[in-house]
Amino acid sequence: MADPATPPDGSPAPLSSMKELVDAWMRFRAGEVVPCPNDGASLALSVDASAGVYRFVCTTCGTASSWFESGPTGSVEVRPLAAPPPPPE
């Protein structure tokens, strides 16, 4: 699934700002169900353990955040518009 890009109307892509991403991550870590900003369905956490990165993906419409890293304290470092490296062969 592709990373978010600016929608055709010029508005920012959902989950593309650091504020939105940190808010969703903190709510998710607290055990809350985080709704998709597009359709209100639940967001799932996609994990690439080999690269140590995460991203949120809507379970209905597929809206996805950028890949991000998080430490044990919950701090977030975004990898904007970057995909994790491919798995080793």
N, C-alpha and C. Protein backbone atom coordinates (compact mmCIF):
# COMPACT_ATOMS: atom_id res chain seq x y z
N MET A 1 0.85 -1.18 0.00
CA MET A 1 0.00 0.00 0.00
C MET A 1 0.89 1.24 0.00
N ALA A 2 0.59 2.19 -0.80
CA ALA A 2 1.41 3.39 -0.92
C ALA A 2 1.26 4.27 0.31
N ASP A 3 2.30 5.05 0.57
CA ASP A 3 2.23 6.01 1.65
C ASP A 3 1.32 7.16 1.24
N PRO A 4 0.83 7.94 2.23
CA PRO A 4 -0.10 9.01 1.89
C PRO A 4 0.56 10.08 1.03
N ALA A 5 -0.20 10.64 0.17
CA ALA A 5 0.23 11.77 -0.65
C ALA A 5 -0.83 12.85 -0.52
N THR A 6 -0.53 14.03 -0.97
CA THR A 6 -1.50 15.10 -0.90
C THR A 6 -2.69 14.77 -1.81
N PRO A 7 -3.91 14.82 -1.26
CA PRO A 7 -5.09 14.54 -2.08
C PRO A 7 -5.20 15.55 -3.23
N PRO A 8 -5.95 15.18 -4.29
CA PRO A 8 -6.08 16.05 -5.46
C PRO A 8 -6.61 17.44 -5.15
N ASP A 9 -7.42 17.58 -4.11
CA ASP A 9 -7.99 18.89 -3.80
C ASP A 9 -7.01 19.80 -3.08
N GLY A 10 -5.78 19.31 -2.79
CA GLY A 10 -4.76 20.13 -2.15
C GLY A 10 -4.77 20.10 -0.64
N SER A 11 -5.79 19.47 -0.04
CA SER A 11 -5.81 19.39 1.42
C SER A 11 -4.80 18.35 1.88
N PRO A 12 -4.31 18.47 3.11
CA PRO A 12 -3.33 17.50 3.59
C PRO A 12 -3.93 16.10 3.70
N ALA A 13 -3.12 15.10 3.47
CA ALA A 13 -3.57 13.71 3.61
C ALA A 13 -3.86 13.41 5.08
N PRO A 14 -4.86 12.59 5.36
CA PRO A 14 -5.14 12.21 6.74
C PRO A 14 -3.91 11.53 7.36
N LEU A 15 -3.71 11.77 8.64
CA LEU A 15 -2.60 11.19 9.40
C LEU A 15 -1.23 11.61 8.88
N SER A 16 -1.16 12.73 8.16
CA SER A 16 0.12 13.15 7.60
C SER A 16 0.87 14.14 8.48
N SER A 17 0.19 14.77 9.42
CA SER A 17 0.90 15.71 10.29
C SER A 17 1.44 14.98 11.51
N MET A 18 2.53 15.51 12.04
CA MET A 18 3.14 14.93 13.24
C MET A 18 2.14 14.94 14.39
N LYS A 19 1.36 16.01 14.53
CA LYS A 19 0.39 16.12 15.61
C LYS A 19 -0.65 15.00 15.52
N GLU A 20 -1.19 14.78 14.33
CA GLU A 20 -2.19 13.70 14.15
C GLU A 20 -1.60 12.34 14.46
N LEU A 21 -0.38 12.11 14.00
CA LEU A 21 0.26 10.81 14.19
C LEU A 21 0.57 10.56 15.66
N VAL A 22 1.14 11.55 16.34
CA VAL A 22 1.45 11.40 17.76
C VAL A 22 0.17 11.19 18.56
N ASP A 23 -0.88 11.93 18.24
CA ASP A 23 -2.16 11.78 18.94
C ASP A 23 -2.71 10.36 18.75
N ALA A 24 -2.70 9.87 17.52
CA ALA A 24 -3.19 8.51 17.25
C ALA A 24 -2.34 7.48 17.99
N TRP A 25 -1.02 7.64 17.99
CA TRP A 25 -0.12 6.69 18.65
C TRP A 25 -0.36 6.67 20.16
N MET A 26 -0.48 7.83 20.77
CA MET A 26 -0.71 7.89 22.22
C MET A 26 -2.05 7.26 22.59
N ARG A 27 -3.07 7.53 21.80
CA ARG A 27 -4.38 6.93 22.06
C ARG A 27 -4.33 5.41 21.88
N PHE A 28 -3.64 4.96 20.83
CA PHE A 28 -3.50 3.52 20.57
C PHE A 28 -2.75 2.84 21.72
N ARG A 29 -1.66 3.46 22.17
CA ARG A 29 -0.87 2.89 23.29
C ARG A 29 -1.68 2.84 24.59
N ALA A 30 -2.64 3.74 24.71
CA ALA A 30 -3.49 3.76 25.91
C ALA A 30 -4.62 2.74 25.84
N GLY A 31 -4.71 2.03 24.71
CA GLY A 31 -5.74 1.00 24.56
C GLY A 31 -7.02 1.45 23.91
N GLU A 32 -7.03 2.68 23.40
CA GLU A 32 -8.23 3.19 22.74
C GLU A 32 -8.33 2.66 21.31
N VAL A 33 -9.54 2.59 20.81
CA VAL A 33 -9.76 2.31 19.39
C VAL A 33 -9.64 3.66 18.68
N VAL A 34 -8.73 3.74 17.73
CA VAL A 34 -8.48 5.00 17.03
C VAL A 34 -9.24 4.97 15.70
N PRO A 35 -10.16 5.93 15.49
CA PRO A 35 -10.94 5.93 14.24
C PRO A 35 -10.18 6.53 13.07
N CYS A 36 -10.48 6.04 11.88
CA CYS A 36 -9.92 6.60 10.65
C CYS A 36 -10.48 8.00 10.45
N PRO A 37 -9.63 8.97 10.10
CA PRO A 37 -10.14 10.32 9.86
C PRO A 37 -11.00 10.42 8.60
N ASN A 38 -10.94 9.43 7.71
CA ASN A 38 -11.76 9.46 6.50
C ASN A 38 -13.14 8.89 6.71
N ASP A 39 -13.22 7.67 7.29
CA ASP A 39 -14.52 7.01 7.37
C ASP A 39 -14.94 6.56 8.76
N GLY A 40 -14.11 6.80 9.76
CA GLY A 40 -14.47 6.46 11.14
C GLY A 40 -14.27 5.01 11.52
N ALA A 41 -13.85 4.16 10.58
CA ALA A 41 -13.59 2.75 10.90
C ALA A 41 -12.31 2.68 11.75
N SER A 42 -12.06 1.54 12.34
CA SER A 42 -10.88 1.36 13.20
C SER A 42 -9.59 1.38 12.39
N LEU A 43 -8.56 1.95 13.00
CA LEU A 43 -7.22 1.88 12.43
C LEU A 43 -6.51 0.66 13.01
N ALA A 44 -5.78 -0.04 12.18
CA ALA A 44 -4.94 -1.16 12.62
C ALA A 44 -3.50 -0.70 12.58
N LEU A 45 -2.66 -1.34 13.38
CA LEU A 45 -1.24 -1.01 13.38
C LEU A 45 -0.50 -2.02 12.52
N SER A 46 0.14 -1.53 11.48
CA SER A 46 0.96 -2.37 10.61
C SER A 46 2.39 -2.29 11.14
N VAL A 47 3.04 -3.45 11.28
CA VAL A 47 4.38 -3.50 11.87
C VAL A 47 5.34 -4.16 10.90
N ASP A 48 6.49 -3.53 10.70
CA ASP A 48 7.59 -4.16 9.98
C ASP A 48 8.72 -4.30 10.99
N ALA A 49 8.77 -5.47 11.64
CA ALA A 49 9.73 -5.71 12.71
C ALA A 49 11.17 -5.70 12.21
N SER A 50 11.39 -6.11 10.97
CA SER A 50 12.76 -6.14 10.46
C SER A 50 13.35 -4.74 10.34
N ALA A 51 12.51 -3.75 10.08
CA ALA A 51 12.96 -2.37 9.97
C ALA A 51 12.67 -1.57 11.24
N GLY A 52 11.88 -2.15 12.17
CA GLY A 52 11.55 -1.46 13.41
C GLY A 52 10.64 -0.27 13.21
N VAL A 53 9.70 -0.38 12.27
CA VAL A 53 8.80 0.74 11.99
C VAL A 53 7.34 0.29 12.03
N TYR A 54 6.47 1.27 12.19
CA TYR A 54 5.03 1.05 12.28
C TYR A 54 4.32 2.04 11.37
N ARG A 55 3.05 1.74 11.08
CA ARG A 55 2.16 2.74 10.48
C ARG A 55 0.73 2.31 10.75
N PHE A 56 -0.17 3.28 10.76
CA PHE A 56 -1.59 3.01 10.93
C PHE A 56 -2.21 2.83 9.55
N VAL A 57 -3.13 1.85 9.46
CA VAL A 57 -3.85 1.59 8.22
C VAL A 57 -5.33 1.39 8.57
N CYS A 58 -6.21 2.06 7.83
CA CYS A 58 -7.65 1.90 8.06
C CYS A 58 -8.08 0.50 7.63
N THR A 59 -8.88 -0.13 8.47
CA THR A 59 -9.35 -1.49 8.19
C THR A 59 -10.41 -1.52 7.10
N THR A 60 -10.95 -0.37 6.72
CA THR A 60 -11.99 -0.33 5.69
C THR A 60 -11.51 0.32 4.39
N CYS A 61 -11.02 1.56 4.47
CA CYS A 61 -10.70 2.29 3.24
C CYS A 61 -9.22 2.22 2.85
N GLY A 62 -8.36 1.76 3.75
CA GLY A 62 -6.95 1.61 3.42
C GLY A 62 -6.11 2.85 3.62
N THR A 63 -6.69 3.95 4.11
CA THR A 63 -5.90 5.14 4.40
C THR A 63 -4.75 4.74 5.31
N ALA A 64 -3.54 5.21 5.01
CA ALA A 64 -2.37 4.83 5.81
C ALA A 64 -1.54 6.04 6.18
N SER A 65 -0.92 5.97 7.34
CA SER A 65 0.00 7.00 7.78
C SER A 65 1.37 6.71 7.19
N SER A 66 2.29 7.65 7.37
CA SER A 66 3.68 7.39 7.02
C SER A 66 4.24 6.36 8.00
N TRP A 67 5.32 5.70 7.62
CA TRP A 67 6.01 4.79 8.54
C TRP A 67 6.64 5.63 9.63
N PHE A 68 6.65 5.12 10.86
CA PHE A 68 7.28 5.84 11.96
C PHE A 68 7.94 4.86 12.92
N GLU A 69 8.87 5.39 13.71
CA GLU A 69 9.53 4.63 14.76
C GLU A 69 9.05 5.15 16.10
N SER A 70 9.10 4.30 17.12
CA SER A 70 8.74 4.74 18.46
C SER A 70 9.59 4.00 19.47
N GLY A 71 10.07 4.75 20.45
CA GLY A 71 10.86 4.15 21.53
C GLY A 71 9.96 3.71 22.67
N PRO A 72 10.56 3.14 23.70
CA PRO A 72 9.78 2.64 24.85
C PRO A 72 8.98 3.72 25.58
N THR A 73 9.40 4.97 25.45
CA THR A 73 8.68 6.06 26.12
C THR A 73 7.50 6.56 25.31
N GLY A 74 7.38 6.07 24.06
CA GLY A 74 6.28 6.51 23.20
C GLY A 74 6.64 7.63 22.27
N SER A 75 7.91 8.09 22.32
CA SER A 75 8.32 9.15 21.40
C SER A 75 8.19 8.65 19.97
N VAL A 76 7.88 9.57 19.07
CA VAL A 76 7.63 9.20 17.67
C VAL A 76 8.60 9.93 16.77
N GLU A 77 9.19 9.19 15.83
CA GLU A 77 10.01 9.78 14.77
C GLU A 77 9.44 9.31 13.45
N VAL A 78 8.97 10.24 12.65
CA VAL A 78 8.29 9.90 11.40
C VAL A 78 9.31 9.73 10.28
N ARG A 79 9.04 8.76 9.44
CA ARG A 79 9.80 8.57 8.20
C ARG A 79 8.86 8.97 7.06
N PRO A 80 8.69 10.28 6.80
CA PRO A 80 7.69 10.71 5.82
C PRO A 80 7.94 10.17 4.42
N LEU A 81 6.86 9.64 3.85
CA LEU A 81 6.85 9.12 2.49
C LEU A 81 7.98 8.15 2.20
N ALA A 82 8.38 7.41 3.22
CA ALA A 82 9.43 6.42 3.03
C ALA A 82 8.88 5.05 3.39
N ALA A 83 9.21 4.09 2.59
CA ALA A 83 8.81 2.71 2.88
C ALA A 83 9.98 2.02 3.56
N PRO A 84 9.70 1.00 4.37
CA PRO A 84 10.80 0.29 5.00
C PRO A 84 11.61 -0.46 3.94
N PRO A 85 12.86 -0.75 4.27
CA PRO A 85 13.66 -1.47 3.29
C PRO A 85 13.11 -2.85 3.02
N PRO A 86 13.36 -3.39 1.83
CA PRO A 86 12.85 -4.74 1.53
C PRO A 86 13.54 -5.77 2.42
N PRO A 87 12.90 -6.89 2.68
CA PRO A 87 13.52 -7.92 3.53
C PRO A 87 14.75 -8.49 2.82
N PRO A 88 15.72 -8.94 3.61
CA PRO A 88 16.93 -9.51 3.01
C PRO A 88 16.59 -10.79 2.24
N GLU A 89 17.36 -11.04 1.21
CA GLU A 89 17.10 -12.23 0.39
C GLU A 89 17.86 -13.42 0.93
